[in-house]
Amino acid sequence: MGYFQSLSFDLVCWLSVVKLLKGVGCLVDVLIRNLDIVAVSKIDQEAKKKRLSRNELLKVYIDKFALVDMHNEERILYKESFEMNTRMLHAFGETQKNLVGRVGNIEKVLVRMIELETNEKECAD
């Protein structure tokens, strides 16, 4: 596993814990060991550009990382819900078509019964 893949995997694990604990209102400290000096230097440069501390910058990045993940999960749930609603509407439409057909058949039977009754009355007269 490469350096950045390992870092990404560790962040994902920590973010899962942070996400769970944030739901109950807790803040968690995260300690990252064995970072390459070049990576730390790049983080420090970026923090300086944005006038943030290293901690604040990393917090922003981690929060964004977690929010993107949560956003994707919500988007997937929304898509599944939308697809289910679409299937249900289609089924409702099919049921409605069947009911309209049945009502039409009932109407034809009633009309035929009225015609027969009328014919019987005419024949009796």
C-alpha atoms as a PDB file:
ATOM      1  CA  MET A   1       0.000   0.000   0.000  1.00  0.00           C
ATOM      2  CA  GLY A   2       1.424   3.395  -0.979  1.00  0.00           C
ATOM      3  CA  TYR A   3       2.016   6.263   1.401  1.00  0.00           C
ATOM      4  CA  PHE A   4      -1.055   8.259   0.376  1.00  0.00           C
ATOM      5  CA  GLN A   5      -3.272   5.159   0.204  1.00  0.00           C
ATOM      6  CA  SER A   6      -2.249   4.281   3.748  1.00  0.00           C
ATOM      7  CA  LEU A   7      -2.895   7.844   4.919  1.00  0.00           C
ATOM      8  CA  SER A   8      -6.263   7.827   3.166  1.00  0.00           C
ATOM      9  CA  PHE A   9      -7.210   4.500   4.775  1.00  0.00           C
ATOM     10  CA  ASP A  10      -6.213   5.767   8.233  1.00  0.00           C
ATOM     11  CA  LEU A  11      -8.226   8.948   7.705  1.00  0.00           C
ATOM     12  CA  VAL A  12     -11.258   6.949   6.645  1.00  0.00           C
ATOM     13  CA  CYS A  13     -11.034   4.861   9.825  1.00  0.00           C
ATOM     14  CA  TRP A  14     -10.659   7.935  12.010  1.00  0.00           C
ATOM     15  CA  LEU A  15     -13.414   9.769  10.194  1.00  0.00           C
ATOM     16  CA  SER A  16     -15.774   6.886  10.847  1.00  0.00           C
ATOM     17  CA  VAL A  17     -15.085   7.238  14.557  1.00  0.00           C
ATOM     18  CA  VAL A  18     -15.391  11.029  14.379  1.00  0.00           C
ATOM     19  CA  LYS A  19     -18.674  10.766  12.462  1.00  0.00           C
ATOM     20  CA  LEU A  20     -20.099   8.420  15.094  1.00  0.00           C
ATOM     21  CA  LEU A  21     -18.999  10.609  17.971  1.00  0.00           C
ATOM     22  CA  LYS A  22     -20.008  13.893  16.331  1.00  0.00           C
ATOM     23  CA  GLY A  23     -23.566  12.616  16.250  1.00  0.00           C
ATOM     24  CA  VAL A  24     -23.584  12.701  20.038  1.00  0.00           C
ATOM     25  CA  GLY A  25     -21.895  16.110  20.240  1.00  0.00           C
ATOM     26  CA  CYS A  26     -18.332  15.012  21.000  1.00  0.00           C
ATOM     27  CA  LEU A  27     -15.159  16.396  19.503  1.00  0.00           C
ATOM     28  CA  VAL A  28     -12.237  14.050  19.032  1.00  0.00           C
ATOM     29  CA  ASP A  29      -8.517  14.681  18.812  1.00  0.00           C
ATOM     30  CA  VAL A  30      -6.727  12.924  15.966  1.00  0.00           C
ATOM     31  CA  LEU A  31      -3.029  12.152  16.055  1.00  0.00           C
ATOM     32  CA  ILE A  32      -1.315  11.222  12.810  1.00  0.00           C
ATOM     33  CA  ARG A  33       2.091   9.596  13.170  1.00  0.00           C
ATOM     34  CA  ASN A  34       4.967   9.080  10.738  1.00  0.00           C
ATOM     35  CA  LEU A  35       4.092  11.776   8.215  1.00  0.00           C
ATOM     36  CA  ASP A  36       6.733  12.551   5.644  1.00  0.00           C
ATOM     37  CA  ILE A  37       8.461  15.915   6.182  1.00  0.00           C
ATOM     38  CA  VAL A  38       7.600  16.942   2.612  1.00  0.00           C
ATOM     39  CA  ALA A  39       3.896  16.366   3.304  1.00  0.00           C
ATOM     40  CA  VAL A  40       4.062  18.366   6.538  1.00  0.00           C
ATOM     41  CA  SER A  41       5.935  21.163   4.760  1.00  0.00           C
ATOM     42  CA  LYS A  42       3.264  21.286   2.049  1.00  0.00           C
ATOM     43  CA  ILE A  43       0.526  21.373   4.712  1.00  0.00           C
ATOM     44  CA  ASP A  44       2.327  24.207   6.504  1.00  0.00           C
ATOM     45  CA  GLN A  45       2.711  26.186   3.262  1.00  0.00           C
ATOM     46  CA  GLU A  46      -0.962  25.787   2.428  1.00  0.00           C
ATOM     47  CA  ALA A  47      -1.969  26.768   5.966  1.00  0.00           C
ATOM     48  CA  LYS A  48       0.225  29.866   5.771  1.00  0.00           C
ATOM     49  CA  LYS A  49      -1.346  30.853   2.424  1.00  0.00           C
ATOM     50  CA  LYS A  50      -4.816  30.574   3.931  1.00  0.00           C
ATOM     51  CA  ARG A  51      -3.757  32.234   7.188  1.00  0.00           C
ATOM     52  CA  LEU A  52      -4.716  29.201   9.227  1.00  0.00           C
ATOM     53  CA  SER A  53      -2.870  27.043  11.674  1.00  0.00           C
ATOM     54  CA  ARG A  54      -1.858  23.568  10.555  1.00  0.00           C
ATOM     55  CA  ASN A  55      -4.538  22.152  12.843  1.00  0.00           C
ATOM     56  CA  GLU A  56      -7.261  24.423  11.453  1.00  0.00           C
ATOM     57  CA  LEU A  57      -6.325  23.594   7.866  1.00  0.00           C
ATOM     58  CA  LEU A  58      -6.327  19.855   8.498  1.00  0.00           C
ATOM     59  CA  LYS A  59      -9.624  20.138  10.362  1.00  0.00           C
ATOM     60  CA  VAL A  60     -11.166  21.886   7.344  1.00  0.00           C
ATOM     61  CA  TYR A  61      -9.853  19.169   5.008  1.00  0.00           C
ATOM     62  CA  ILE A  62     -11.042  16.329   7.239  1.00  0.00           C
ATOM     63  CA  ASP A  63     -14.455  17.927   7.731  1.00  0.00           C
ATOM     64  CA  LYS A  64     -14.818  18.398   3.959  1.00  0.00           C
ATOM     65  CA  PHE A  65     -13.739  14.796   3.402  1.00  0.00           C
ATOM     66  CA  ALA A  66     -16.383  13.576   5.850  1.00  0.00           C
ATOM     67  CA  LEU A  67     -19.071  15.856   4.416  1.00  0.00           C
ATOM     68  CA  VAL A  68     -18.419  14.678   0.869  1.00  0.00           C
ATOM     69  CA  ASP A  69     -18.784  11.089   2.055  1.00  0.00           C
ATOM     70  CA  MET A  70     -22.015  11.890   3.898  1.00  0.00           C
ATOM     71  CA  HIS A  71     -23.278  13.844   0.883  1.00  0.00           C
ATOM     72  CA  ASN A  72     -22.626  10.849  -1.382  1.00  0.00           C
ATOM     73  CA  GLU A  73     -24.456   8.540   1.026  1.00  0.00           C
ATOM     74  CA  GLU A  74     -27.426  10.908   1.127  1.00  0.00           C
ATOM     75  CA  ARG A  75     -27.401  11.188  -2.653  1.00  0.00           C
ATOM     76  CA  ILE A  76     -27.482   7.400  -2.992  1.00  0.00           C
ATOM     77  CA  LEU A  77     -30.388   7.185  -0.521  1.00  0.00           C
ATOM     78  CA  TYR A  78     -32.232   9.926  -2.413  1.00  0.00           C
ATOM     79  CA  LYS A  79     -31.688   8.123  -5.720  1.00  0.00           C
ATOM     80  CA  GLU A  80     -32.947   4.824  -4.279  1.00  0.00           C
ATOM     81  CA  SER A  81     -35.978   6.581  -2.798  1.00  0.00           C
ATOM     82  CA  PHE A  82     -36.690   8.334  -6.099  1.00  0.00           C
ATOM     83  CA  GLU A  83     -36.455   5.052  -8.028  1.00  0.00           C
ATOM     84  CA  MET A  84     -38.760   3.318  -5.555  1.00  0.00           C
ATOM     85  CA  ASN A  85     -41.295   6.157  -5.808  1.00  0.00           C
ATOM     86  CA  THR A  86     -41.138   5.961  -9.596  1.00  0.00           C
ATOM     87  CA  ARG A  87     -41.842   2.205  -9.503  1.00  0.00           C
ATOM     88  CA  MET A  88     -44.726   2.771  -7.086  1.00  0.00           C
ATOM     89  CA  LEU A  89     -46.231   5.489  -9.307  1.00  0.00           C
ATOM     90  CA  HIS A  90     -45.952   3.206 -12.315  1.00  0.00           C
ATOM     91  CA  ALA A  91     -47.683   0.389 -10.391  1.00  0.00           C
ATOM     92  CA  PHE A  92     -50.378   2.844  -9.269  1.00  0.00           C
ATOM     93  CA  GLY A  93     -50.910   3.919 -12.881  1.00  0.00           C
ATOM     94  CA  GLU A  94     -51.275   0.292 -13.992  1.00  0.00           C
ATOM     95  CA  THR A  95     -53.760  -0.381 -11.179  1.00  0.00           C
ATOM     96  CA  GLN A  96     -55.726   2.693 -12.150  1.00  0.00           C
ATOM     97  CA  LYS A  97     -55.863   1.536 -15.796  1.00  0.00           C
ATOM     98  CA  ASN A  98     -57.182  -1.842 -14.658  1.00  0.00           C
ATOM     99  CA  LEU A  99     -59.831  -0.189 -12.496  1.00  0.00           C
ATOM    100  CA  VAL A 100     -60.945   2.062 -15.341  1.00  0.00           C
ATOM    101  CA  GLY A 101     -61.269  -1.024 -17.542  1.00  0.00           C
ATOM    102  CA  ARG A 102     -63.329  -2.830 -14.914  1.00  0.00           C
ATOM    103  CA  VAL A 103     -65.589   0.175 -14.392  1.00  0.00           C
ATOM    104  CA  GLY A 104     -66.077   0.297 -18.171  1.00  0.00           C
ATOM    105  CA  ASN A 105     -67.066  -3.380 -18.183  1.00  0.00           C
ATOM    106  CA  ILE A 106     -69.494  -2.836 -15.286  1.00  0.00           C
ATOM    107  CA  GLU A 107     -71.000   0.111 -17.148  1.00  0.00           C
ATOM    108  CA  LYS A 108     -71.525  -2.052 -20.262  1.00  0.00           C
ATOM    109  CA  VAL A 109     -73.228  -4.758 -18.190  1.00  0.00           C
ATOM    110  CA  LEU A 110     -75.514  -2.201 -16.535  1.00  0.00           C
ATOM    111  CA  VAL A 111     -76.422  -0.649 -19.875  1.00  0.00           C
ATOM    112  CA  ARG A 112     -77.187  -4.108 -21.278  1.00  0.00           C
ATOM    113  CA  MET A 113     -79.336  -4.915 -18.210  1.00  0.00           C
ATOM    114  CA  ILE A 114     -81.288  -1.662 -18.667  1.00  0.00           C
ATOM    115  CA  GLU A 115     -81.778  -2.443 -22.352  1.00  0.00           C
ATOM    116  CA  LEU A 116     -83.063  -5.935 -21.534  1.00  0.00           C
ATOM    117  CA  GLU A 117     -85.385  -4.563 -18.869  1.00  0.00           C
ATOM    118  CA  THR A 118     -86.688  -1.950 -21.280  1.00  0.00           C
ATOM    119  CA  ASN A 119     -87.237  -4.609 -23.954  1.00  0.00           C
ATOM    120  CA  GLU A 120     -89.090  -6.822 -21.481  1.00  0.00           C
ATOM    121  CA  LYS A 121     -91.397  -3.917 -20.517  1.00  0.00           C
ATOM    122  CA  GLU A 122     -92.078  -3.145 -24.186  1.00  0.00           C
ATOM    123  CA  CYS A 123     -92.869  -6.780 -24.912  1.00  0.00           C
ATOM    124  CA  ALA A 124     -95.210  -6.948 -21.902  1.00  0.00           C
ATOM    125  CA  ASP A 125     -97.143  -3.903 -23.089  1.00  0.00           C
END
